[in-house]
Amino acid sequence: MPAASIQDGAEPYEHVQSFHRRGNHRLEIDLKDEVLRLTLDGKGVDQEIIVHDTNHGSVFLGASWQGEGWSQRNLADDVYDAVFEKFTIRTNTGKELKDEKVLFTTELTGWDKFLFDAKSVWESILFWFLRNG
């Protein structure tokens, strides 16, 4: 017997998601003159944001709950945490990406990357012996 559709009065299916499930998205923020544009997972956000104060300063990334939505993942807490990997700030002069000057990045390079990778390898070897020894 075929299942009833939503048009027939059946409830829509809403997949229950784990509270501990992490999201993984690519966010690009483009500030050119006074216009801020956002791209999330390769799709541009329709609304452009006008930024009136473009003086030198700090970068602050955050999220806030506006009370307009519903979170299936966490019904009791409206705190959003984000971990940014490969966060890079470039000059945004309109040149090709490879020609842009990097002003800040969280990616390790050179000696710092070598030391981090060497420490990671050493710790994985050490923990293997501790678990299996």
C-alpha atoms as a PDB file:
ATOM      1  CA  MET A   1       0.000   0.000   0.000  1.00  0.00           C
ATOM      2  CA  PRO A   2       1.537   3.375  -0.966  1.00  0.00           C
ATOM      3  CA  ALA A   3       2.360   5.828   1.804  1.00  0.00           C
ATOM      4  CA  ALA A   4       0.304   9.022   2.093  1.00  0.00           C
ATOM      5  CA  SER A   5       1.911  12.187   0.762  1.00  0.00           C
ATOM      6  CA  ILE A   6       1.960  15.588   2.440  1.00  0.00           C
ATOM      7  CA  GLN A   7      -0.807  16.667   0.072  1.00  0.00           C
ATOM      8  CA  ASP A   8      -2.867  13.757   1.447  1.00  0.00           C
ATOM      9  CA  GLY A   9      -2.400  15.040   5.003  1.00  0.00           C
ATOM     10  CA  ALA A  10       0.701  13.136   6.111  1.00  0.00           C
ATOM     11  CA  GLU A  11       3.210  14.850   8.398  1.00  0.00           C
ATOM     12  CA  PRO A  12       6.436  15.994   6.696  1.00  0.00           C
ATOM     13  CA  TYR A  13       9.482  13.883   7.507  1.00  0.00           C
ATOM     14  CA  GLU A  14      12.079  15.714   9.597  1.00  0.00           C
ATOM     15  CA  HIS A  15      15.281  13.752  10.087  1.00  0.00           C
ATOM     16  CA  VAL A  16      16.466  13.901  13.702  1.00  0.00           C
ATOM     17  CA  GLN A  17      20.046  15.124  13.836  1.00  0.00           C
ATOM     18  CA  SER A  18      22.548  14.335  16.544  1.00  0.00           C
ATOM     19  CA  PHE A  19      23.273  17.087  19.039  1.00  0.00           C
ATOM     20  CA  HIS A  20      26.984  16.341  18.659  1.00  0.00           C
ATOM     21  CA  ARG A  21      27.055  16.440  14.858  1.00  0.00           C
ATOM     22  CA  ARG A  22      29.457  19.051  13.555  1.00  0.00           C
ATOM     23  CA  GLY A  23      28.827  21.155  10.514  1.00  0.00           C
ATOM     24  CA  ASN A  24      31.564  21.769   7.993  1.00  0.00           C
ATOM     25  CA  HIS A  25      31.167  24.766   5.722  1.00  0.00           C
ATOM     26  CA  ARG A  26      33.337  27.003   3.586  1.00  0.00           C
ATOM     27  CA  LEU A  27      32.718  30.676   4.332  1.00  0.00           C
ATOM     28  CA  GLU A  28      34.187  33.465   2.221  1.00  0.00           C
ATOM     29  CA  ILE A  29      33.875  37.075   3.337  1.00  0.00           C
ATOM     30  CA  ASP A  30      34.621  39.724   0.733  1.00  0.00           C
ATOM     31  CA  LEU A  31      34.914  43.374   1.813  1.00  0.00           C
ATOM     32  CA  LYS A  32      35.507  45.690  -1.127  1.00  0.00           C
ATOM     33  CA  ASP A  33      35.229  49.414  -0.401  1.00  0.00           C
ATOM     34  CA  GLU A  34      32.079  49.594   1.771  1.00  0.00           C
ATOM     35  CA  VAL A  35      30.293  46.465   0.497  1.00  0.00           C
ATOM     36  CA  LEU A  36      30.499  43.180   2.388  1.00  0.00           C
ATOM     37  CA  ARG A  37      29.554  40.031   0.436  1.00  0.00           C
ATOM     38  CA  LEU A  38      29.289  36.525   1.848  1.00  0.00           C
ATOM     39  CA  THR A  39      29.687  33.196   0.080  1.00  0.00           C
ATOM     40  CA  LEU A  40      28.727  30.022   1.921  1.00  0.00           C
ATOM     41  CA  ASP A  41      29.721  26.681   0.406  1.00  0.00           C
ATOM     42  CA  GLY A  42      30.196  28.308  -2.999  1.00  0.00           C
ATOM     43  CA  LYS A  43      26.785  29.995  -3.065  1.00  0.00           C
ATOM     44  CA  GLY A  44      26.569  33.758  -2.729  1.00  0.00           C
ATOM     45  CA  VAL A  45      24.302  35.182  -0.050  1.00  0.00           C
ATOM     46  CA  ASP A  46      21.832  37.455  -1.821  1.00  0.00           C
ATOM     47  CA  GLN A  47      21.968  40.360   0.614  1.00  0.00           C
ATOM     48  CA  GLU A  48      24.958  42.717   0.511  1.00  0.00           C
ATOM     49  CA  ILE A  49      25.895  44.473   3.733  1.00  0.00           C
ATOM     50  CA  ILE A  50      27.062  48.083   3.694  1.00  0.00           C
ATOM     51  CA  VAL A  51      29.913  48.743   6.129  1.00  0.00           C
ATOM     52  CA  HIS A  52      30.232  52.399   7.012  1.00  0.00           C
ATOM     53  CA  ASP A  53      33.339  52.198   9.210  1.00  0.00           C
ATOM     54  CA  THR A  54      36.198  50.843   7.081  1.00  0.00           C
ATOM     55  CA  ASN A  55      39.051  52.285   9.140  1.00  0.00           C
ATOM     56  CA  HIS A  56      41.888  50.075  10.307  1.00  0.00           C
ATOM     57  CA  GLY A  57      40.914  47.904  13.239  1.00  0.00           C
ATOM     58  CA  SER A  58      40.296  44.385  14.418  1.00  0.00           C
ATOM     59  CA  VAL A  59      38.515  41.428  12.907  1.00  0.00           C
ATOM     60  CA  PHE A  60      35.747  39.922  15.031  1.00  0.00           C
ATOM     61  CA  LEU A  61      33.777  36.897  13.855  1.00  0.00           C
ATOM     62  CA  GLY A  62      30.706  35.840  15.754  1.00  0.00           C
ATOM     63  CA  ALA A  63      27.227  34.437  15.554  1.00  0.00           C
ATOM     64  CA  SER A  64      24.092  35.479  17.351  1.00  0.00           C
ATOM     65  CA  TRP A  65      20.676  34.038  17.882  1.00  0.00           C
ATOM     66  CA  GLN A  66      17.940  36.293  16.572  1.00  0.00           C
ATOM     67  CA  GLY A  67      15.094  34.146  17.882  1.00  0.00           C
ATOM     68  CA  GLU A  68      13.673  33.780  14.380  1.00  0.00           C
ATOM     69  CA  GLY A  69      14.640  30.205  13.758  1.00  0.00           C
ATOM     70  CA  TRP A  70      14.485  26.811  15.327  1.00  0.00           C
ATOM     71  CA  SER A  71      17.448  24.622  16.068  1.00  0.00           C
ATOM     72  CA  GLN A  72      16.742  20.932  15.806  1.00  0.00           C
ATOM     73  CA  ARG A  73      20.245  20.173  17.004  1.00  0.00           C
ATOM     74  CA  ASN A  74      19.997  21.999  20.301  1.00  0.00           C
ATOM     75  CA  LEU A  75      16.617  22.996  21.652  1.00  0.00           C
ATOM     76  CA  ALA A  76      17.898  24.160  25.051  1.00  0.00           C
ATOM     77  CA  ASP A  77      20.945  26.256  24.167  1.00  0.00           C
ATOM     78  CA  ASP A  78      21.328  29.053  21.650  1.00  0.00           C
ATOM     79  CA  VAL A  79      25.140  29.234  21.841  1.00  0.00           C
ATOM     80  CA  TYR A  80      26.969  28.735  18.563  1.00  0.00           C
ATOM     81  CA  ASP A  81      30.656  27.846  18.522  1.00  0.00           C
ATOM     82  CA  ALA A  82      32.836  27.957  15.458  1.00  0.00           C
ATOM     83  CA  VAL A  83      36.291  26.652  14.727  1.00  0.00           C
ATOM     84  CA  PHE A  84      37.947  28.308  11.771  1.00  0.00           C
ATOM     85  CA  GLU A  85      40.536  26.332   9.848  1.00  0.00           C
ATOM     86  CA  LYS A  86      42.750  27.898   7.213  1.00  0.00           C
ATOM     87  CA  PHE A  87      41.525  31.376   8.095  1.00  0.00           C
ATOM     88  CA  THR A  88      43.265  33.874   5.827  1.00  0.00           C
ATOM     89  CA  ILE A  89      42.926  37.629   5.339  1.00  0.00           C
ATOM     90  CA  ARG A  90      44.177  38.991   2.006  1.00  0.00           C
ATOM     91  CA  THR A  91      44.477  42.509   0.616  1.00  0.00           C
ATOM     92  CA  ASN A  92      41.516  42.133  -1.803  1.00  0.00           C
ATOM     93  CA  THR A  93      42.858  44.392  -4.534  1.00  0.00           C
ATOM     94  CA  GLY A  94      40.914  42.628  -7.280  1.00  0.00           C
ATOM     95  CA  LYS A  95      43.950  40.757  -8.593  1.00  0.00           C
ATOM     96  CA  GLU A  96      44.120  37.013  -9.082  1.00  0.00           C
ATOM     97  CA  LEU A  97      43.992  35.098  -5.792  1.00  0.00           C
ATOM     98  CA  LYS A  98      47.605  33.972  -6.182  1.00  0.00           C
ATOM     99  CA  ASP A  99      48.708  37.614  -6.537  1.00  0.00           C
ATOM    100  CA  GLU A 100      46.943  38.874  -3.407  1.00  0.00           C
ATOM    101  CA  LYS A 101      49.110  39.756  -0.429  1.00  0.00           C
ATOM    102  CA  VAL A 102      48.390  37.699   2.707  1.00  0.00           C
ATOM    103  CA  LEU A 103      47.891  39.983   5.708  1.00  0.00           C
ATOM    104  CA  PHE A 104      47.088  37.239   8.241  1.00  0.00           C
ATOM    105  CA  THR A 105      46.720  33.469   8.187  1.00  0.00           C
ATOM    106  CA  THR A 106      46.280  30.648  10.680  1.00  0.00           C
ATOM    107  CA  GLU A 107      48.034  28.191   8.368  1.00  0.00           C
ATOM    108  CA  LEU A 108      51.474  27.162   9.494  1.00  0.00           C
ATOM    109  CA  THR A 109      54.336  27.455   7.032  1.00  0.00           C
ATOM    110  CA  GLY A 110      58.067  26.885   6.995  1.00  0.00           C
ATOM    111  CA  TRP A 111      59.783  26.010  10.263  1.00  0.00           C
ATOM    112  CA  ASP A 112      56.589  26.368  12.324  1.00  0.00           C
ATOM    113  CA  LYS A 113      54.817  23.815  10.107  1.00  0.00           C
ATOM    114  CA  PHE A 114      57.783  21.424  10.318  1.00  0.00           C
ATOM    115  CA  LEU A 115      57.864  21.612  14.127  1.00  0.00           C
ATOM    116  CA  PHE A 116      54.089  21.128  14.400  1.00  0.00           C
ATOM    117  CA  ASP A 117      54.131  18.125  12.039  1.00  0.00           C
ATOM    118  CA  ALA A 118      57.142  16.581  13.823  1.00  0.00           C
ATOM    119  CA  LYS A 119      55.421  16.987  17.210  1.00  0.00           C
ATOM    120  CA  SER A 120      52.214  15.421  15.828  1.00  0.00           C
ATOM    121  CA  VAL A 121      54.108  12.405  14.473  1.00  0.00           C
ATOM    122  CA  TRP A 122      56.015  11.977  17.743  1.00  0.00           C
ATOM    123  CA  GLU A 123      52.803  12.154  19.806  1.00  0.00           C
ATOM    124  CA  SER A 124      51.022   9.615  17.585  1.00  0.00           C
ATOM    125  CA  ILE A 125      53.959   7.183  17.971  1.00  0.00           C
ATOM    126  CA  LEU A 126      54.089   7.757  21.733  1.00  0.00           C
ATOM    127  CA  PHE A 127      50.328   7.263  22.165  1.00  0.00           C
ATOM    128  CA  TRP A 128      50.459   4.064  20.062  1.00  0.00           C
ATOM    129  CA  PHE A 129      53.038   2.599  22.451  1.00  0.00           C
ATOM    130  CA  LEU A 130      51.034   3.749  25.478  1.00  0.00           C
ATOM    131  CA  ARG A 131      47.848   2.104  24.163  1.00  0.00           C
ATOM    132  CA  ASN A 132      49.465  -1.061  22.847  1.00  0.00           C
ATOM    133  CA  GLY A 133      52.406  -1.485  25.217  1.00  0.00           C
END
